[in-house]
PDB file of N, CA and C in Angstrom:
ATOM      1  N   UNK A   1     199.623 -77.272  41.266  1.00  0.00           N
ATOM      2  CA  UNK A   1     200.084 -78.619  40.009  1.00  0.00           C
ATOM      3  C   UNK A   1     198.962 -78.599  38.633  1.00  0.00           C
ATOM      4  N   UNK A   2     199.620 -79.086  38.165  1.00  0.00           N
ATOM      5  CA  UNK A   2     199.260 -79.366  36.395  1.00  0.00           C
ATOM      6  C   UNK A   2     198.559 -80.341  36.190  1.00  0.00           C
ATOM      7  N   UNK A   3     197.247 -80.540  37.101  1.00  0.00           N
ATOM      8  CA  UNK A   3     196.387 -81.461  36.638  1.00  0.00           C
ATOM      9  C   UNK A   3     196.842 -82.832  37.356  1.00  0.00           C
ATOM     10  N   UNK A   4     198.149 -82.919  38.255  1.00  0.00           N
ATOM     11  CA  UNK A   4     198.451 -84.088  38.766  1.00  0.00           C
ATOM     12  C   UNK A   4     198.270 -83.592  40.415  1.00  0.00           C
ATOM     13  N   UNK A   5     198.832 -84.909  41.055  1.00  0.00           N
ATOM     14  CA  UNK A   5     198.063 -85.021  42.689  1.00  0.00           C
ATOM     15  C   UNK A   5     199.600 -85.198  42.850  1.00  0.00           C
ATOM     16  N   UNK A   6     199.715 -84.013  44.498  1.00  0.00           N
ATOM     17  CA  UNK A   6     200.985 -84.799  45.339  1.00  0.00           C
ATOM     18  C   UNK A   6     200.699 -85.793  46.377  1.00  0.00           C
ATOM     19  N   UNK A   7     202.084 -87.032  46.150  1.00  0.00           N
ATOM     20  CA  UNK A   7     201.599 -87.907  47.368  1.00  0.00           C
ATOM     21  C   UNK A   7     202.746 -87.871  48.262  1.00  0.00           C
ATOM     22  N   UNK A   8     203.039 -88.768  49.101  1.00  0.00           N
ATOM     23  CA  UNK A   8     203.943 -88.624  49.925  1.00  0.00           C
ATOM     24  C   UNK A   8     204.551 -87.147  50.549  1.00  0.00           C
ATOM     25  N   UNK A   9     203.768 -86.175  50.783  1.00  0.00           N
ATOM     26  CA  UNK A   9     204.277 -85.048  51.220  1.00  0.00           C
ATOM     27  C   UNK A   9     204.390 -84.482  52.566  1.00  0.00           C
ATOM     28  N   UNK A  10     205.755 -84.027  52.845  1.00  0.00           N
ATOM     29  CA  UNK A  10     206.204 -83.409  54.035  1.00  0.00           C
ATOM     30  C   UNK A  10     207.155 -82.559  54.180  1.00  0.00           C
ATOM     31  N   UNK A  11     207.290 -82.204  55.100  1.00  0.00           N
ATOM     32  CA  UNK A  11     207.924 -79.950  55.579  1.00  0.00           C
ATOM     33  C   UNK A  11     208.401 -80.373  56.412  1.00  0.00           C
ATOM     34  N   UNK A  12     209.973 -80.137  56.094  1.00  0.00           N
ATOM     35  CA  UNK A  12     210.988 -80.249  57.216  1.00  0.00           C
ATOM     36  C   UNK A  12     210.986 -81.147  58.214  1.00  0.00           C
ATOM     37  N   UNK A  13     210.409 -82.727  57.529  1.00  0.00           N
ATOM     38  CA  UNK A  13     210.517 -84.184  57.803  1.00  0.00           C
ATOM     39  C   UNK A  13     209.455 -84.404  58.178  1.00  0.00           C
ATOM     40  N   UNK A  14     208.204 -83.477  58.523  1.00  0.00           N
ATOM     41  CA  UNK A  14     206.878 -84.475  59.467  1.00  0.00           C
ATOM     42  C   UNK A  14     205.892 -84.632  57.936  1.00  0.00           C
ATOM     43  N   UNK A  15     205.146 -85.875  57.925  1.00  0.00           N
ATOM     44  CA  UNK A  15     204.148 -86.083  57.147  1.00  0.00           C
ATOM     45  C   UNK A  15     203.162 -85.209  56.892  1.00  0.00           C
ATOM     46  N   UNK A  16     202.546 -84.714  55.938  1.00  0.00           N
ATOM     47  CA  UNK A  16     201.310 -84.068  56.195  1.00  0.00           C
ATOM     48  C   UNK A  16     200.363 -84.517  55.116  1.00  0.00           C
ATOM     49  N   UNK A  17     199.149 -84.869  55.821  1.00  0.00           N
ATOM     50  CA  UNK A  17     197.321 -85.482  55.760  1.00  0.00           C
ATOM     51  C   UNK A  17     197.810 -86.513  56.319  1.00  0.00           C
ATOM     52  N   UNK A  18     196.335 -87.474  55.646  1.00  0.00           N
ATOM     53  CA  UNK A  18     196.214 -88.841  55.995  1.00  0.00           C
ATOM     54  C   UNK A  18     196.904 -89.781  54.905  1.00  0.00           C
ATOM     55  N   UNK A  19     197.752 -89.277  54.171  1.00  0.00           N
ATOM     56  CA  UNK A  19     198.387 -90.180  53.257  1.00  0.00           C
ATOM     57  C   UNK A  19     197.868 -90.163  50.986  1.00  0.00           C
ATOM     58  N   UNK A  20     196.494 -89.665  51.522  1.00  0.00           N
ATOM     59  CA  UNK A  20     195.879 -89.525  50.234  1.00  0.00           C
ATOM     60  C   UNK A  20     196.595 -88.082  49.283  1.00  0.00           C
ATOM     61  N   UNK A  21     196.383 -88.786  48.297  1.00  0.00           N
ATOM     62  CA  UNK A  21     196.996 -87.015  47.225  1.00  0.00           C
ATOM     63  C   UNK A  21     196.707 -85.751  47.389  1.00  0.00           C
ATOM     64  N   UNK A  22     197.564 -84.800  47.367  1.00  0.00           N
ATOM     65  CA  UNK A  22     196.657 -82.999  47.318  1.00  0.00           C
ATOM     66  C   UNK A  22     196.883 -82.491  46.255  1.00  0.00           C
ATOM     67  N   UNK A  23     196.243 -81.720  45.865  1.00  0.00           N
ATOM     68  CA  UNK A  23     196.641 -81.047  45.161  1.00  0.00           C
ATOM     69  C   UNK A  23     197.158 -79.707  45.247  1.00  0.00           C
ATOM     70  N   UNK A  24     197.416 -79.278  46.759  1.00  0.00           N
ATOM     71  CA  UNK A  24     198.200 -78.234  46.800  1.00  0.00           C
ATOM     72  C   UNK A  24     198.854 -78.114  47.892  1.00  0.00           C
ATOM     73  N   UNK A  25     199.617 -77.880  48.368  1.00  0.00           N
ATOM     74  CA  UNK A  25     200.742 -77.878  49.492  1.00  0.00           C
ATOM     75  C   UNK A  25     200.802 -76.072  49.685  1.00  0.00           C
ATOM     76  N   UNK A  26     200.529 -75.588  50.911  1.00  0.00           N
ATOM     77  CA  UNK A  26     200.951 -74.136  51.140  1.00  0.00           C
ATOM     78  C   UNK A  26     201.296 -73.807  52.815  1.00  0.00           C
ATOM     79  N   UNK A  27     202.744 -73.495  52.987  1.00  0.00           N
ATOM     80  CA  UNK A  27     203.843 -73.353  54.184  1.00  0.00           C
ATOM     81  C   UNK A  27     203.636 -72.019  54.580  1.00  0.00           C
ATOM     82  N   UNK A  28     203.015 -71.790  55.490  1.00  0.00           N
ATOM     83  CA  UNK A  28     202.672 -70.115  55.640  1.00  0.00           C
ATOM     84  C   UNK A  28     203.402 -69.412  57.336  1.00  0.00           C
ATOM     85  N   UNK A  29     203.821 -68.771  57.707  1.00  0.00           N
ATOM     86  CA  UNK A  29     204.754 -68.333  58.677  1.00  0.00           C
ATOM     87  C   UNK A  29     206.235 -68.198  58.636  1.00  0.00           C
ATOM     88  N   UNK A  30     206.784 -67.926  57.092  1.00  0.00           N
ATOM     89  CA  UNK A  30     208.211 -68.848  57.486  1.00  0.00           C
ATOM     90  C   UNK A  30     208.948 -67.210  57.483  1.00  0.00           C
ATOM     91  N   UNK A  31     209.704 -67.193  57.961  1.00  0.00           N
ATOM     92  CA  UNK A  31     210.273 -66.042  58.516  1.00  0.00           C
ATOM     93  C   UNK A  31     211.687 -65.480  57.451  1.00  0.00           C
ATOM     94  N   UNK A  32     211.850 -64.481  57.067  1.00  0.00           N
ATOM     95  CA  UNK A  32     212.733 -64.124  56.460  1.00  0.00           C
ATOM     96  C   UNK A  32     214.434 -64.727  56.885  1.00  0.00           C
ATOM     97  N   UNK A  33     214.525 -65.907  55.699  1.00  0.00           N
ATOM     98  CA  UNK A  33     215.875 -66.198  55.907  1.00  0.00           C
ATOM     99  C   UNK A  33     215.730 -67.512  56.225  1.00  0.00           C
ATOM    100  N   UNK A  34     215.030 -67.759  56.712  1.00  0.00           N
ATOM    101  CA  UNK A  34     214.584 -69.433  57.422  1.00  0.00           C
ATOM    102  C   UNK A  34     214.376 -70.591  56.153  1.00  0.00           C
ATOM    103  N   UNK A  35     214.651 -71.597  56.617  1.00  0.00           N
ATOM    104  CA  UNK A  35     214.564 -72.518  55.473  1.00  0.00           C
ATOM    105  C   UNK A  35     213.533 -73.344  55.604  1.00  0.00           C
ATOM    106  N   UNK A  36     213.265 -73.843  54.483  1.00  0.00           N
ATOM    107  CA  UNK A  36     211.658 -74.851  54.756  1.00  0.00           C
ATOM    108  C   UNK A  36     212.163 -75.925  53.295  1.00  0.00           C
ATOM    109  N   UNK A  37     212.305 -77.051  54.487  1.00  0.00           N
ATOM    110  CA  UNK A  37     212.176 -78.129  53.230  1.00  0.00           C
ATOM    111  C   UNK A  37     211.009 -79.119  53.090  1.00  0.00           C
ATOM    112  N   UNK A  38     211.058 -79.061  51.915  1.00  0.00           N
ATOM    113  CA  UNK A  38     209.083 -79.928  51.119  1.00  0.00           C
ATOM    114  C   UNK A  38     209.858 -80.552  50.407  1.00  0.00           C
ATOM    115  N   UNK A  39     209.106 -82.105  50.750  1.00  0.00           N
ATOM    116  CA  UNK A  39     209.377 -83.327  50.196  1.00  0.00           C
ATOM    117  C   UNK A  39     208.332 -83.437  49.475  1.00  0.00           C
ATOM    118  N   UNK A  40     208.026 -84.379  48.050  1.00  0.00           N
ATOM    119  CA  UNK A  40     207.142 -84.779  47.864  1.00  0.00           C
ATOM    120  C   UNK A  40     207.355 -85.978  46.699  1.00  0.00           C
ATOM    121  N   UNK A  41     206.310 -86.802  46.377  1.00  0.00           N
ATOM    122  CA  UNK A  41     206.442 -87.771  45.139  1.00  0.00           C
ATOM    123  C   UNK A  41     205.494 -87.300  44.093  1.00  0.00           C
ATOM    124  N   UNK A  42     206.089 -86.737  42.821  1.00  0.00           N
ATOM    125  CA  UNK A  42     205.442 -86.446  41.503  1.00  0.00           C
ATOM    126  C   UNK A  42     205.453 -87.158  40.690  1.00  0.00           C
ATOM    127  N   UNK A  43     204.447 -87.273  39.824  1.00  0.00           N
ATOM    128  CA  UNK A  43     204.726 -88.596  38.294  1.00  0.00           C
ATOM    129  C   UNK A  43     205.649 -87.103  37.219  1.00  0.00           C
ATOM    130  N   UNK A  44     206.420 -88.070  36.605  1.00  0.00           N
ATOM    131  CA  UNK A  44     207.338 -87.605  36.174  1.00  0.00           C
ATOM    132  C   UNK A  44     206.440 -86.086  34.549  1.00  0.00           C
ATOM    133  N   UNK A  45     207.287 -85.274  34.568  1.00  0.00           N
ATOM    134  CA  UNK A  45     206.194 -84.578  33.549  1.00  0.00           C
ATOM    135  C   UNK A  45     205.515 -83.626  34.641  1.00  0.00           C
ATOM    136  N   UNK A  46     205.678 -83.822  35.745  1.00  0.00           N
ATOM    137  CA  UNK A  46     204.331 -82.685  36.414  1.00  0.00           C
ATOM    138  C   UNK A  46     204.934 -81.517  36.646  1.00  0.00           C
ATOM    139  N   UNK A  47     204.018 -80.224  36.502  1.00  0.00           N
ATOM    140  CA  UNK A  47     204.227 -78.718  36.935  1.00  0.00           C
ATOM    141  C   UNK A  47     203.760 -78.581  38.351  1.00  0.00           C
ATOM    142  N   UNK A  48     205.016 -78.081  38.655  1.00  0.00           N
ATOM    143  CA  UNK A  48     205.118 -77.392  39.923  1.00  0.00           C
ATOM    144  C   UNK A  48     204.798 -75.704  39.963  1.00  0.00           C
ATOM    145  N   UNK A  49     204.077 -74.979  40.629  1.00  0.00           N
ATOM    146  CA  UNK A  49     204.555 -74.047  41.285  1.00  0.00           C
ATOM    147  C   UNK A  49     204.822 -73.673  41.899  1.00  0.00           C
ATOM    148  N   UNK A  50     206.030 -72.783  42.567  1.00  0.00           N
ATOM    149  CA  UNK A  50     206.061 -72.772  43.662  1.00  0.00           C
ATOM    150  C   UNK A  50     205.918 -70.868  43.985  1.00  0.00           C
ATOM    151  N   UNK A  51     205.473 -70.943  44.910  1.00  0.00           N
ATOM    152  CA  UNK A  51     205.385 -68.854  45.014  1.00  0.00           C
ATOM    153  C   UNK A  51     205.983 -68.522  46.717  1.00  0.00           C
ATOM    154  N   UNK A  52     205.983 -67.420  46.531  1.00  0.00           N
ATOM    155  CA  UNK A  52     206.842 -66.518  47.534  1.00  0.00           C
ATOM    156  C   UNK A  52     205.974 -65.128  48.210  1.00  0.00           C
ATOM    157  N   UNK A  53     205.202 -64.911  49.225  1.00  0.00           N
ATOM    158  CA  UNK A  53     204.722 -64.109  49.322  1.00  0.00           C
ATOM    159  C   UNK A  53     205.363 -63.692  50.338  1.00  0.00           C
ATOM    160  N   UNK A  54     204.869 -61.985  50.387  1.00  0.00           N
ATOM    161  CA  UNK A  54     205.521 -60.951  51.251  1.00  0.00           C
ATOM    162  C   UNK A  54     204.276 -60.300  51.312  1.00  0.00           C
ATOM    163  N   UNK A  55     204.290 -59.512  52.800  1.00  0.00           N
ATOM    164  CA  UNK A  55     203.066 -59.083  52.959  1.00  0.00           C
ATOM    165  C   UNK A  55     204.165 -57.037  53.226  1.00  0.00           C
ATOM    166  N   UNK A  56     205.490 -57.578  53.079  1.00  0.00           N
ATOM    167  CA  UNK A  56     206.337 -56.269  53.871  1.00  0.00           C
ATOM    168  C   UNK A  56     206.482 -55.893  51.995  1.00  0.00           C
ATOM    169  N   UNK A  57     205.872 -54.764  51.825  1.00  0.00           N
ATOM    170  CA  UNK A  57     205.921 -53.731  50.586  1.00  0.00           C
ATOM    171  C   UNK A  57     207.835 -53.560  50.245  1.00  0.00           C
ATOM    172  N   UNK A  58     208.711 -52.982  51.190  1.00  0.00           N
ATOM    173  CA  UNK A  58     209.414 -53.560  51.143  1.00  0.00           C
ATOM    174  C   UNK A  58     210.657 -54.183  50.503  1.00  0.00           C
ATOM    175  N   UNK A  59     209.920 -55.006  50.593  1.00  0.00           N
ATOM    176  CA  UNK A  59     210.572 -56.115  49.913  1.00  0.00           C
ATOM    177  C   UNK A  59     210.909 -56.232  48.544  1.00  0.00           C
ATOM    178  N   UNK A  60     210.120 -55.482  47.966  1.00  0.00           N
ATOM    179  CA  UNK A  60     209.954 -55.208  46.449  1.00  0.00           C
ATOM    180  C   UNK A  60     211.018 -54.092  46.019  1.00  0.00           C
ATOM    181  N   UNK A  61     212.507 -54.427  45.000  1.00  0.00           N
ATOM    182  CA  UNK A  61     213.026 -53.557  44.721  1.00  0.00           C
ATOM    183  C   UNK A  61     212.731 -52.191  44.233  1.00  0.00           C
ATOM    184  N   UNK A  62     213.121 -51.319  44.302  1.00  0.00           N
ATOM    185  CA  UNK A  62     212.675 -49.686  44.392  1.00  0.00           C
ATOM    186  C   UNK A  62     210.986 -49.372  44.767  1.00  0.00           C
ATOM    187  N   UNK A  63     211.072 -49.846  45.905  1.00  0.00           N
ATOM    188  CA  UNK A  63     209.893 -49.623  47.005  1.00  0.00           C
ATOM    189  C   UNK A  63     210.165 -48.043  47.176  1.00  0.00           C
ATOM    190  N   UNK A  64     209.242 -47.592  47.434  1.00  0.00           N
ATOM    191  CA  UNK A  64     209.440 -46.167  48.015  1.00  0.00           C
ATOM    192  C   UNK A  64     207.847 -45.758  48.996  1.00  0.00           C
ATOM    193  N   UNK A  65     208.341 -45.772  50.455  1.00  0.00           N
ATOM    194  CA  UNK A  65     207.130 -45.175  50.753  1.00  0.00           C
ATOM    195  C   UNK A  65     206.172 -44.456  50.818  1.00  0.00           C
ATOM    196  N   UNK A  66     204.836 -44.575  50.474  1.00  0.00           N
ATOM    197  CA  UNK A  66     204.079 -43.750  49.942  1.00  0.00           C
ATOM    198  C   UNK A  66     203.905 -42.152  50.420  1.00  0.00           C
ATOM    199  N   UNK A  67     202.927 -41.049  50.083  1.00  0.00           N
ATOM    200  CA  UNK A  67     203.214 -39.874  50.472  1.00  0.00           C
ATOM    201  C   UNK A  67     202.559 -40.027  51.710  1.00  0.00           C
ATOM    202  N   UNK A  68     202.811 -38.727  52.417  1.00  0.00           N
ATOM    203  CA  UNK A  68     201.683 -38.377  53.810  1.00  0.00           C
ATOM    204  C   UNK A  68     200.042 -38.695  53.208  1.00  0.00           C
ATOM    205  N   UNK A  69     198.965 -39.419  53.766  1.00  0.00           N
ATOM    206  CA  UNK A  69     197.533 -39.476  53.549  1.00  0.00           C
ATOM    207  C   UNK A  69     197.218 -40.511  52.788  1.00  0.00           C
ATOM    208  N   UNK A  70     198.192 -41.443  52.084  1.00  0.00           N
ATOM    209  CA  UNK A  70     197.821 -42.695  51.457  1.00  0.00           C
ATOM    210  C   UNK A  70     198.328 -44.093  52.221  1.00  0.00           C
ATOM    211  N   UNK A  71     197.054 -44.414  51.846  1.00  0.00           N
ATOM    212  CA  UNK A  71     196.713 -45.675  52.728  1.00  0.00           C
ATOM    213  C   UNK A  71     197.313 -47.060  51.985  1.00  0.00           C
ATOM    214  N   UNK A  72     197.671 -47.892  52.531  1.00  0.00           N
ATOM    215  CA  UNK A  72     198.153 -49.053  51.785  1.00  0.00           C
ATOM    216  C   UNK A  72     197.158 -50.141  52.572  1.00  0.00           C
ATOM    217  N   UNK A  73     196.437 -51.027  51.790  1.00  0.00           N
ATOM    218  CA  UNK A  73     195.494 -51.893  52.122  1.00  0.00           C
ATOM    219  C   UNK A  73     195.890 -53.077  51.900  1.00  0.00           C
ATOM    220  N   UNK A  74     196.328 -53.839  52.812  1.00  0.00           N
ATOM    221  CA  UNK A  74     196.668 -55.667  52.029  1.00  0.00           C
ATOM    222  C   UNK A  74     198.189 -55.610  50.651  1.00  0.00           C
ATOM    223  N   UNK A  75     198.923 -55.103  51.034  1.00  0.00           N
ATOM    224  CA  UNK A  75     200.426 -54.987  50.432  1.00  0.00           C
ATOM    225  C   UNK A  75     200.561 -56.571  50.203  1.00  0.00           C
ATOM    226  N   UNK A  76     200.916 -56.757  49.017  1.00  0.00           N
ATOM    227  CA  UNK A  76     201.319 -58.083  49.029  1.00  0.00           C
ATOM    228  C   UNK A  76     203.186 -57.903  47.793  1.00  0.00           C
ATOM    229  N   UNK A  77     203.542 -58.867  47.854  1.00  0.00           N
ATOM    230  CA  UNK A  77     204.626 -58.816  47.143  1.00  0.00           C
ATOM    231  C   UNK A  77     204.975 -60.180  46.645  1.00  0.00           C
ATOM    232  N   UNK A  78     204.905 -60.609  45.440  1.00  0.00           N
ATOM    233  CA  UNK A  78     204.625 -62.129  45.192  1.00  0.00           C
ATOM    234  C   UNK A  78     205.835 -62.557  43.974  1.00  0.00           C
ATOM    235  N   UNK A  79     206.153 -63.347  44.468  1.00  0.00           N
ATOM    236  CA  UNK A  79     206.983 -64.292  43.205  1.00  0.00           C
ATOM    237  C   UNK A  79     206.948 -65.739  42.970  1.00  0.00           C
ATOM    238  N   UNK A  80     206.718 -65.602  41.857  1.00  0.00           N
ATOM    239  CA  UNK A  80     206.567 -67.115  41.238  1.00  0.00           C
ATOM    240  C   UNK A  80     207.130 -67.558  40.178  1.00  0.00           C
ATOM    241  N   UNK A  81     206.821 -69.146  40.339  1.00  0.00           N
ATOM    242  CA  UNK A  81     207.835 -69.673  39.230  1.00  0.00           C
ATOM    243  C   UNK A  81     207.991 -71.337  39.105  1.00  0.00           C
ATOM    244  N   UNK A  82     207.167 -71.726  37.366  1.00  0.00           N
ATOM    245  CA  UNK A  82     206.934 -72.554  37.373  1.00  0.00           C
ATOM    246  C   UNK A  82     207.932 -73.561  36.986  1.00  0.00           C
ATOM    247  N   UNK A  83     208.219 -74.988  37.619  1.00  0.00           N
ATOM    248  CA  UNK A  83     208.953 -75.910  37.103  1.00  0.00           C
ATOM    249  C   UNK A  83     208.214 -77.694  36.870  1.00  0.00           C
ATOM    250  N   UNK A  84     209.121 -77.455  35.561  1.00  0.00           N
ATOM    251  CA  UNK A  84     208.791 -78.949  35.265  1.00  0.00           C
ATOM    252  C   UNK A  84     209.537 -80.118  36.076  1.00  0.00           C
ATOM    253  N   UNK A  85     209.006 -81.218  36.425  1.00  0.00           N
ATOM    254  CA  UNK A  85     209.758 -82.314  37.102  1.00  0.00           C
ATOM    255  C   UNK A  85     209.951 -83.512  36.246  1.00  0.00           C
TER     256      UNK A  85
END
């Protein structure tokens, strides 16, 4: 969030928090193909950063399995986008 706060946050219809403003909201454990609906009340002009993170490197285009003897430690594929509301 670009210096603003999130209000009236809900995920799949379930209210998040105790009603006080949030500065970030993270949804984890979403399976491939699963949809999650996030609703927020934001001030006009706020910038929201949305990220999709996977720890499965095969999700990256052009990825190839590393050669024998190469170990991957905490691989991560991250796609981010910022949206002004």
